[in-house]
Amino acid sequence: MKRKIYGIATLSERGQIVIPQEAREDLGLKPGDKLIVMSFGPKNTLMLVKSDSLLEMFSELTKELSELEKFISSIKEVEKDEGN
């Protein structure tokens, strides 16, 4: 699934947020599902991850990082070759 912006959620006085309906439907979230709440990336970035999909998420991130590493290496090789 591609990344998608679902809208804005407002934090209540009790610290609660409502996940937009479209997001709940697209992601198959149901009442009682456990979500892992963690900070991610720069300051003030919050991520909610369905607990049973966490391993799948890390697997995808690992693949993306590996591809990025290969891309950066290829750029360095081109720069090195151009320098000679």
PDB file of N, CA and C in Angstrom:
ATOM      1  N   MET A   1       0.850  -1.184   0.000  1.00  0.00           N
ATOM      2  CA  MET A   1       0.000   0.000   0.000  1.00  0.00           C
ATOM      3  C   MET A   1       0.890   1.239   0.000  1.00  0.00           C
ATOM      4  N   LYS A   2       0.540   2.193  -0.833  1.00  0.00           N
ATOM      5  CA  LYS A   2       1.290   3.447  -0.884  1.00  0.00           C
ATOM      6  C   LYS A   2       0.993   4.292   0.344  1.00  0.00           C
ATOM      7  N   ARG A   3       1.924   5.170   0.640  1.00  0.00           N
ATOM      8  CA  ARG A   3       1.689   6.119   1.731  1.00  0.00           C
ATOM      9  C   ARG A   3       0.557   7.048   1.329  1.00  0.00           C
ATOM     10  N   LYS A   4      -0.266   7.407   2.289  1.00  0.00           N
ATOM     11  CA  LYS A   4      -1.430   8.233   2.000  1.00  0.00           C
ATOM     12  C   LYS A   4      -1.722   9.121   3.199  1.00  0.00           C
ATOM     13  N   ILE A   5      -2.111  10.343   2.940  1.00  0.00           N
ATOM     14  CA  ILE A   5      -2.518  11.252   4.014  1.00  0.00           C
ATOM     15  C   ILE A   5      -4.030  11.136   4.152  1.00  0.00           C
ATOM     16  N   TYR A   6      -4.474  10.848   5.364  1.00  0.00           N
ATOM     17  CA  TYR A   6      -5.899  10.635   5.616  1.00  0.00           C
ATOM     18  C   TYR A   6      -6.596  11.834   6.233  1.00  0.00           C
ATOM     19  N   GLY A   7      -5.874  12.830   6.634  1.00  0.00           N
ATOM     20  CA  GLY A   7      -6.500  13.990   7.242  1.00  0.00           C
ATOM     21  C   GLY A   7      -5.806  14.372   8.531  1.00  0.00           C
ATOM     22  N   ILE A   8      -6.526  15.078   9.371  1.00  0.00           N
ATOM     23  CA  ILE A   8      -5.970  15.587  10.623  1.00  0.00           C
ATOM     24  C   ILE A   8      -6.769  15.024  11.782  1.00  0.00           C
ATOM     25  N   ALA A   9      -6.067  14.605  12.826  1.00  0.00           N
ATOM     26  CA  ALA A   9      -6.708  14.150  14.060  1.00  0.00           C
ATOM     27  C   ALA A   9      -6.338  15.144  15.155  1.00  0.00           C
ATOM     28  N   THR A  10      -7.292  15.459  16.005  1.00  0.00           N
ATOM     29  CA  THR A  10      -7.074  16.413  17.090  1.00  0.00           C
ATOM     30  C   THR A  10      -6.967  15.667  18.410  1.00  0.00           C
ATOM     31  N   LEU A  11      -5.967  16.010  19.192  1.00  0.00           N
ATOM     32  CA  LEU A  11      -5.761  15.393  20.496  1.00  0.00           C
ATOM     33  C   LEU A  11      -6.756  15.980  21.490  1.00  0.00           C
ATOM     34  N   SER A  12      -7.519  15.108  22.152  1.00  0.00           N
ATOM     35  CA  SER A  12      -8.508  15.582  23.126  1.00  0.00           C
ATOM     36  C   SER A  12      -7.827  15.896  24.455  1.00  0.00           C
ATOM     37  N   GLU A  13      -8.583  16.492  25.365  1.00  0.00           N
ATOM     38  CA  GLU A  13      -8.051  16.797  26.697  1.00  0.00           C
ATOM     39  C   GLU A  13      -7.618  15.529  27.424  1.00  0.00           C
ATOM     40  N   ARG A  14      -8.228  14.403  27.088  1.00  0.00           N
ATOM     41  CA  ARG A  14      -7.882  13.122  27.720  1.00  0.00           C
ATOM     42  C   ARG A  14      -6.751  12.404  26.980  1.00  0.00           C
ATOM     43  N   GLY A  15      -6.183  13.048  25.964  1.00  0.00           N
ATOM     44  CA  GLY A  15      -5.071  12.460  25.224  1.00  0.00           C
ATOM     45  C   GLY A  15      -5.508  11.467  24.158  1.00  0.00           C
ATOM     46  N   GLN A  16      -6.752  11.517  23.732  1.00  0.00           N
ATOM     47  CA  GLN A  16      -7.272  10.589  22.734  1.00  0.00           C
ATOM     48  C   GLN A  16      -7.325  11.247  21.359  1.00  0.00           C
ATOM     49  N   ILE A  17      -7.206  10.396  20.331  1.00  0.00           N
ATOM     50  CA  ILE A  17      -7.397  10.859  18.960  1.00  0.00           C
ATOM     51  C   ILE A  17      -8.369   9.907  18.273  1.00  0.00           C
ATOM     52  N   VAL A  18      -9.022  10.402  17.232  1.00  0.00           N
ATOM     53  CA  VAL A  18      -9.882   9.557  16.410  1.00  0.00           C
ATOM     54  C   VAL A  18      -9.155   9.339  15.091  1.00  0.00           C
ATOM     55  N   ILE A  19      -8.967   8.075  14.735  1.00  0.00           N
ATOM     56  CA  ILE A  19      -8.346   7.750  13.454  1.00  0.00           C
ATOM     57  C   ILE A  19      -9.431   7.891  12.386  1.00  0.00           C
ATOM     58  N   PRO A  20      -9.169   8.656  11.324  1.00  0.00           N
ATOM     59  CA  PRO A  20     -10.191   8.866  10.302  1.00  0.00           C
ATOM     60  C   PRO A  20     -10.767   7.544   9.770  1.00  0.00           C
ATOM     61  N   GLN A  21     -12.060   7.557   9.484  1.00  0.00           N
ATOM     62  CA  GLN A  21     -12.771   6.358   9.045  1.00  0.00           C
ATOM     63  C   GLN A  21     -12.119   5.710   7.827  1.00  0.00           C
ATOM     64  N   GLU A  22     -11.742   6.511   6.834  1.00  0.00           N
ATOM     65  CA  GLU A  22     -11.127   5.962   5.625  1.00  0.00           C
ATOM     66  C   GLU A  22      -9.845   5.207   5.964  1.00  0.00           C
ATOM     67  N   ALA A  23      -9.053   5.743   6.896  1.00  0.00           N
ATOM     68  CA  ALA A  23      -7.818   5.072   7.313  1.00  0.00           C
ATOM     69  C   ALA A  23      -8.148   3.748   7.994  1.00  0.00           C
ATOM     70  N   ARG A  24      -9.142   3.766   8.880  1.00  0.00           N
ATOM     71  CA  ARG A  24      -9.535   2.526   9.569  1.00  0.00           C
ATOM     72  C   ARG A  24      -9.984   1.468   8.572  1.00  0.00           C
ATOM     73  N   GLU A  25     -10.765   1.893   7.583  1.00  0.00           N
ATOM     74  CA  GLU A  25     -11.251   0.950   6.573  1.00  0.00           C
ATOM     75  C   GLU A  25     -10.112   0.423   5.710  1.00  0.00           C
ATOM     76  N   ASP A  26      -9.275   1.328   5.184  1.00  0.00           N
ATOM     77  CA  ASP A  26      -8.164   0.923   4.312  1.00  0.00           C
ATOM     78  C   ASP A  26      -7.198  -0.016   5.020  1.00  0.00           C
ATOM     79  N   LEU A  27      -6.967   0.240   6.308  1.00  0.00           N
ATOM     80  CA  LEU A  27      -5.975  -0.527   7.057  1.00  0.00           C
ATOM     81  C   LEU A  27      -6.581  -1.699   7.817  1.00  0.00           C
ATOM     82  N   GLY A  28      -7.885  -1.853   7.721  1.00  0.00           N
ATOM     83  CA  GLY A  28      -8.547  -2.972   8.391  1.00  0.00           C
ATOM     84  C   GLY A  28      -8.503  -2.881   9.904  1.00  0.00           C
ATOM     85  N   LEU A  29      -8.541  -1.667  10.436  1.00  0.00           N
ATOM     86  CA  LEU A  29      -8.501  -1.484  11.889  1.00  0.00           C
ATOM     87  C   LEU A  29      -9.889  -1.695  12.472  1.00  0.00           C
ATOM     88  N   LYS A  30      -9.926  -2.454  13.566  1.00  0.00           N
ATOM     89  CA  LYS A  30     -11.192  -2.749  14.231  1.00  0.00           C
ATOM     90  C   LYS A  30     -11.079  -2.400  15.705  1.00  0.00           C
ATOM     91  N   PRO A  31     -12.217  -2.133  16.364  1.00  0.00           N
ATOM     92  CA  PRO A  31     -12.173  -1.879  17.809  1.00  0.00           C
ATOM     93  C   PRO A  31     -11.459  -3.023  18.530  1.00  0.00           C
ATOM     94  N   GLY A  32     -10.577  -2.662  19.435  1.00  0.00           N
ATOM     95  CA  GLY A  32      -9.820  -3.663  20.185  1.00  0.00           C
ATOM     96  C   GLY A  32      -8.455  -3.976  19.598  1.00  0.00           C
ATOM     97  N   ASP A  33      -8.199  -3.559  18.340  1.00  0.00           N
ATOM     98  CA  ASP A  33      -6.872  -3.779  17.754  1.00  0.00           C
ATOM     99  C   ASP A  33      -5.831  -3.035  18.579  1.00  0.00           C
ATOM    100  N   LYS A  34      -4.667  -3.642  18.727  1.00  0.00           N
ATOM    101  CA  LYS A  34      -3.565  -3.025  19.462  1.00  0.00           C
ATOM    102  C   LYS A  34      -2.689  -2.256  18.480  1.00  0.00           C
ATOM    103  N   LEU A  35      -2.382  -1.014  18.839  1.00  0.00           N
ATOM    104  CA  LEU A  35      -1.508  -0.174  18.022  1.00  0.00           C
ATOM    105  C   LEU A  35      -0.286   0.201  18.841  1.00  0.00           C
ATOM    106  N   ILE A  36       0.875   0.066  18.239  1.00  0.00           N
ATOM    107  CA  ILE A  36       2.113   0.481  18.883  1.00  0.00           C
ATOM    108  C   ILE A  36       2.302   1.961  18.567  1.00  0.00           C
ATOM    109  N   VAL A  37       2.546   2.748  19.594  1.00  0.00           N
ATOM    110  CA  VAL A  37       2.728   4.192  19.445  1.00  0.00           C
ATOM    111  C   VAL A  37       4.208   4.480  19.642  1.00  0.00           C
ATOM    112  N   MET A  38       4.834   5.089  18.631  1.00  0.00           N
ATOM    113  CA  MET A  38       6.263   5.380  18.764  1.00  0.00           C
ATOM    114  C   MET A  38       6.617   6.647  18.016  1.00  0.00           C
ATOM    115  N   SER A  39       7.719   7.246  18.460  1.00  0.00           N
ATOM    116  CA  SER A  39       8.238   8.398  17.726  1.00  0.00           C
ATOM    117  C   SER A  39       9.055   7.857  16.568  1.00  0.00           C
ATOM    118  N   PHE A  40       9.144   8.643  15.510  1.00  0.00           N
ATOM    119  CA  PHE A  40       9.836   8.184  14.315  1.00  0.00           C
ATOM    120  C   PHE A  40      10.424   9.388  13.611  1.00  0.00           C
ATOM    121  N   GLY A  41      11.668   9.262  13.191  1.00  0.00           N
ATOM    122  CA  GLY A  41      12.294  10.337  12.432  1.00  0.00           C
ATOM    123  C   GLY A  41      12.542  11.567  13.272  1.00  0.00           C
ATOM    124  N   PRO A  42      12.286  12.727  12.669  1.00  0.00           N
ATOM    125  CA  PRO A  42      12.562  13.980  13.386  1.00  0.00           C
ATOM    126  C   PRO A  42      11.652  14.157  14.593  1.00  0.00           C
ATOM    127  N   LYS A  43      12.031  15.109  15.435  1.00  0.00           N
ATOM    128  CA  LYS A  43      11.218  15.411  16.623  1.00  0.00           C
ATOM    129  C   LYS A  43       9.766  15.643  16.237  1.00  0.00           C
ATOM    130  N   ASN A  44       8.879  15.344  17.163  1.00  0.00           N
ATOM    131  CA  ASN A  44       7.447  15.590  17.010  1.00  0.00           C
ATOM    132  C   ASN A  44       6.784  14.749  15.927  1.00  0.00           C
ATOM    133  N   THR A  45       7.405  13.647  15.510  1.00  0.00           N
ATOM    134  CA  THR A  45       6.795  12.750  14.540  1.00  0.00           C
ATOM    135  C   THR A  45       6.296  11.520  15.275  1.00  0.00           C
ATOM    136  N   LEU A  46       5.032  11.216  15.109  1.00  0.00           N
ATOM    137  CA  LEU A  46       4.389  10.116  15.810  1.00  0.00           C
ATOM    138  C   LEU A  46       3.922   9.088  14.796  1.00  0.00           C
ATOM    139  N   MET A  47       4.131   7.812  15.100  1.00  0.00           N
ATOM    140  CA  MET A  47       3.699   6.753  14.211  1.00  0.00           C
ATOM    141  C   MET A  47       2.861   5.756  14.997  1.00  0.00           C
ATOM    142  N   LEU A  48       1.759   5.325  14.400  1.00  0.00           N
ATOM    143  CA  LEU A  48       0.932   4.262  14.954  1.00  0.00           C
ATOM    144  C   LEU A  48       1.097   3.053  14.051  1.00  0.00           C
ATOM    145  N   VAL A  49       1.421   1.904  14.632  1.00  0.00           N
ATOM    146  CA  VAL A  49       1.619   0.691  13.851  1.00  0.00           C
ATOM    147  C   VAL A  49       0.780  -0.414  14.461  1.00  0.00           C
ATOM    148  N   LYS A  50      -0.025  -1.064  13.629  1.00  0.00           N
ATOM    149  CA  LYS A  50      -0.798  -2.205  14.096  1.00  0.00           C
ATOM    150  C   LYS A  50       0.199  -3.266  14.553  1.00  0.00           C
ATOM    151  N   SER A  51       0.050  -3.721  15.777  1.00  0.00           N
ATOM    152  CA  SER A  51       1.078  -4.575  16.379  1.00  0.00           C
ATOM    153  C   SER A  51       1.370  -5.827  15.564  1.00  0.00           C
ATOM    154  N   ASP A  52       0.356  -6.423  14.948  1.00  0.00           N
ATOM    155  CA  ASP A  52       0.616  -7.652  14.200  1.00  0.00           C
ATOM    156  C   ASP A  52       1.288  -7.411  12.852  1.00  0.00           C
ATOM    157  N   SER A  53       1.423  -6.152  12.451  1.00  0.00           N
ATOM    158  CA  SER A  53       2.089  -5.872  11.179  1.00  0.00           C
ATOM    159  C   SER A  53       3.478  -5.270  11.369  1.00  0.00           C
ATOM    160  N   LEU A  54       3.946  -5.211  12.613  1.00  0.00           N
ATOM    161  CA  LEU A  54       5.237  -4.576  12.886  1.00  0.00           C
ATOM    162  C   LEU A  54       6.393  -5.300  12.196  1.00  0.00           C
ATOM    163  N   LEU A  55       6.430  -6.631  12.267  1.00  0.00           N
ATOM    164  CA  LEU A  55       7.516  -7.370  11.620  1.00  0.00           C
ATOM    165  C   LEU A  55       7.497  -7.165  10.109  1.00  0.00           C
ATOM    166  N   GLU A  56       6.311  -7.131   9.532  1.00  0.00           N
ATOM    167  CA  GLU A  56       6.189  -6.890   8.097  1.00  0.00           C
ATOM    168  C   GLU A  56       6.724  -5.501   7.742  1.00  0.00           C
ATOM    169  N   MET A  57       6.415  -4.517   8.586  1.00  0.00           N
ATOM    170  CA  MET A  57       6.884  -3.158   8.356  1.00  0.00           C
ATOM    171  C   MET A  57       8.413  -3.098   8.395  1.00  0.00           C
ATOM    172  N   PHE A  58       9.024  -3.756   9.383  1.00  0.00           N
ATOM    173  CA  PHE A  58      10.478  -3.739   9.484  1.00  0.00           C
ATOM    174  C   PHE A  58      11.122  -4.441   8.296  1.00  0.00           C
ATOM    175  N   SER A  59      10.499  -5.490   7.809  1.00  0.00           N
ATOM    176  CA  SER A  59      11.014  -6.182   6.633  1.00  0.00           C
ATOM    177  C   SER A  59      11.016  -5.252   5.422  1.00  0.00           C
ATOM    178  N   GLU A  60       9.924  -4.517   5.222  1.00  0.00           N
ATOM    179  CA  GLU A  60       9.837  -3.568   4.112  1.00  0.00           C
ATOM    180  C   GLU A  60      10.861  -2.444   4.261  1.00  0.00           C
ATOM    181  N   LEU A  61      11.007  -1.917   5.477  1.00  0.00           N
ATOM    182  CA  LEU A  61      11.985  -0.850   5.710  1.00  0.00           C
ATOM    183  C   LEU A  61      13.400  -1.336   5.419  1.00  0.00           C
ATOM    184  N   THR A  62      13.694  -2.573   5.807  1.00  0.00           N
ATOM    185  CA  THR A  62      15.012  -3.145   5.555  1.00  0.00           C
ATOM    186  C   THR A  62      15.279  -3.218   4.058  1.00  0.00           C
ATOM    187  N   LYS A  63      14.279  -3.649   3.280  1.00  0.00           N
ATOM    188  CA  LYS A  63      14.427  -3.714   1.824  1.00  0.00           C
ATOM    189  C   LYS A  63      14.672  -2.323   1.241  1.00  0.00           C
ATOM    190  N   GLU A  64      13.880  -1.349   1.689  1.00  0.00           N
ATOM    191  CA  GLU A  64      14.031   0.017   1.178  1.00  0.00           C
ATOM    192  C   GLU A  64      15.404   0.588   1.516  1.00  0.00           C
ATOM    193  N   LEU A  65      15.874   0.330   2.735  1.00  0.00           N
ATOM    194  CA  LEU A  65      17.195   0.823   3.128  1.00  0.00           C
ATOM    195  C   LEU A  65      18.292   0.165   2.307  1.00  0.00           C
ATOM    196  N   SER A  66      18.145  -1.119   2.022  1.00  0.00           N
ATOM    197  CA  SER A  66      19.122  -1.831   1.209  1.00  0.00           C
ATOM    198  C   SER A  66      19.182  -1.238  -0.201  1.00  0.00           C
ATOM    199  N   GLU A  67      18.016  -0.960  -0.789  1.00  0.00           N
ATOM    200  CA  GLU A  67      17.974  -0.350  -2.117  1.00  0.00           C
ATOM    201  C   GLU A  67      18.600   1.043  -2.102  1.00  0.00           C
ATOM    202  N   LEU A  68      18.321   1.805  -1.067  1.00  0.00           N
ATOM    203  CA  LEU A  68      18.895   3.141  -0.940  1.00  0.00           C
ATOM    204  C   LEU A  68      20.414   3.061  -0.800  1.00  0.00           C
ATOM    205  N   GLU A  69      20.894   2.101  -0.029  1.00  0.00           N
ATOM    206  CA  GLU A  69      22.332   1.919   0.151  1.00  0.00           C
ATOM    207  C   GLU A  69      23.007   1.594  -1.185  1.00  0.00           C
ATOM    208  N   LYS A  70      22.386   0.723  -1.992  1.00  0.00           N
ATOM    209  CA  LYS A  70      22.931   0.383  -3.308  1.00  0.00           C
ATOM    210  C   LYS A  70      22.963   1.612  -4.214  1.00  0.00           C
ATOM    211  N   PHE A  71      21.899   2.408  -4.166  1.00  0.00           N
ATOM    212  CA  PHE A  71      21.821   3.616  -4.982  1.00  0.00           C
ATOM    213  C   PHE A  71      22.928   4.593  -4.605  1.00  0.00           C
ATOM    214  N   ILE A  72      23.118   4.801  -3.312  1.00  0.00           N
ATOM    215  CA  ILE A  72      24.161   5.717  -2.837  1.00  0.00           C
ATOM    216  C   ILE A  72      25.538   5.209  -3.246  1.00  0.00           C
ATOM    217  N   SER A  73      25.754   3.900  -3.152  1.00  0.00           N
ATOM    218  CA  SER A  73      27.037   3.316  -3.563  1.00  0.00           C
ATOM    219  C   SER A  73      27.284   3.546  -5.048  1.00  0.00           C
ATOM    220  N   SER A  74      26.233   3.391  -5.866  1.00  0.00           N
ATOM    221  CA  SER A  74      26.407   3.593  -7.306  1.00  0.00           C
ATOM    222  C   SER A  74      26.733   5.053  -7.620  1.00  0.00           C
ATOM    223  N   ILE A  75      26.131   5.976  -6.890  1.00  0.00           N
ATOM    224  CA  ILE A  75      26.436   7.398  -7.080  1.00  0.00           C
ATOM    225  C   ILE A  75      27.891   7.669  -6.716  1.00  0.00           C
ATOM    226  N   LYS A  76      28.349   7.083  -5.618  1.00  0.00           N
ATOM    227  CA  LYS A  76      29.743   7.283  -5.201  1.00  0.00           C
ATOM    228  C   LYS A  76      30.703   6.722  -6.240  1.00  0.00           C
ATOM    229  N   GLU A  77      30.348   5.587  -6.853  1.00  0.00           N
ATOM    230  CA  GLU A  77      31.199   5.000  -7.891  1.00  0.00           C
ATOM    231  C   GLU A  77      31.280   5.919  -9.105  1.00  0.00           C
ATOM    232  N   VAL A  78      30.149   6.474  -9.506  1.00  0.00           N
ATOM    233  CA  VAL A  78      30.128   7.393 -10.653  1.00  0.00           C
ATOM    234  C   VAL A  78      30.973   8.622 -10.342  1.00  0.00           C
ATOM    235  N   GLU A  79      30.816   9.173  -9.145  1.00  0.00           N
ATOM    236  CA  GLU A  79      31.603  10.344  -8.753  1.00  0.00           C
ATOM    237  C   GLU A  79      33.090  10.014  -8.729  1.00  0.00           C
ATOM    238  N   LYS A  80      33.419   8.819  -8.254  1.00  0.00           N
ATOM    239  CA  LYS A  80      34.821   8.384  -8.197  1.00  0.00           C
ATOM    240  C   LYS A  80      35.394   8.262  -9.606  1.00  0.00           C
ATOM    241  N   ASP A  81      34.617   7.647 -10.527  1.00  0.00           N
ATOM    242  CA  ASP A  81      35.065   7.480 -11.909  1.00  0.00           C
ATOM    243  C   ASP A  81      35.218   8.824 -12.618  1.00  0.00           C
ATOM    244  N   GLU A  82      34.337   9.772 -12.322  1.00  0.00           N
ATOM    245  CA  GLU A  82      34.414  11.092 -12.944  1.00  0.00           C
ATOM    246  C   GLU A  82      35.604  11.886 -12.424  1.00  0.00           C
ATOM    247  N   GLY A  83      36.055  11.548 -11.241  1.00  0.00           N
ATOM    248  CA  GLY A  83      37.187  12.247 -10.639  1.00  0.00           C
ATOM    249  C   GLY A  83      38.521  11.812 -11.212  1.00  0.00           C
ATOM    250  N   ASN A  84      38.550  10.693 -11.910  1.00  0.00           N
ATOM    251  CA  ASN A  84      39.810  10.181 -12.485  1.00  0.00           C
ATOM    252  C   ASN A  84      40.054  10.694 -13.862  1.00  0.00           C
TER     253      ASN A  84
END
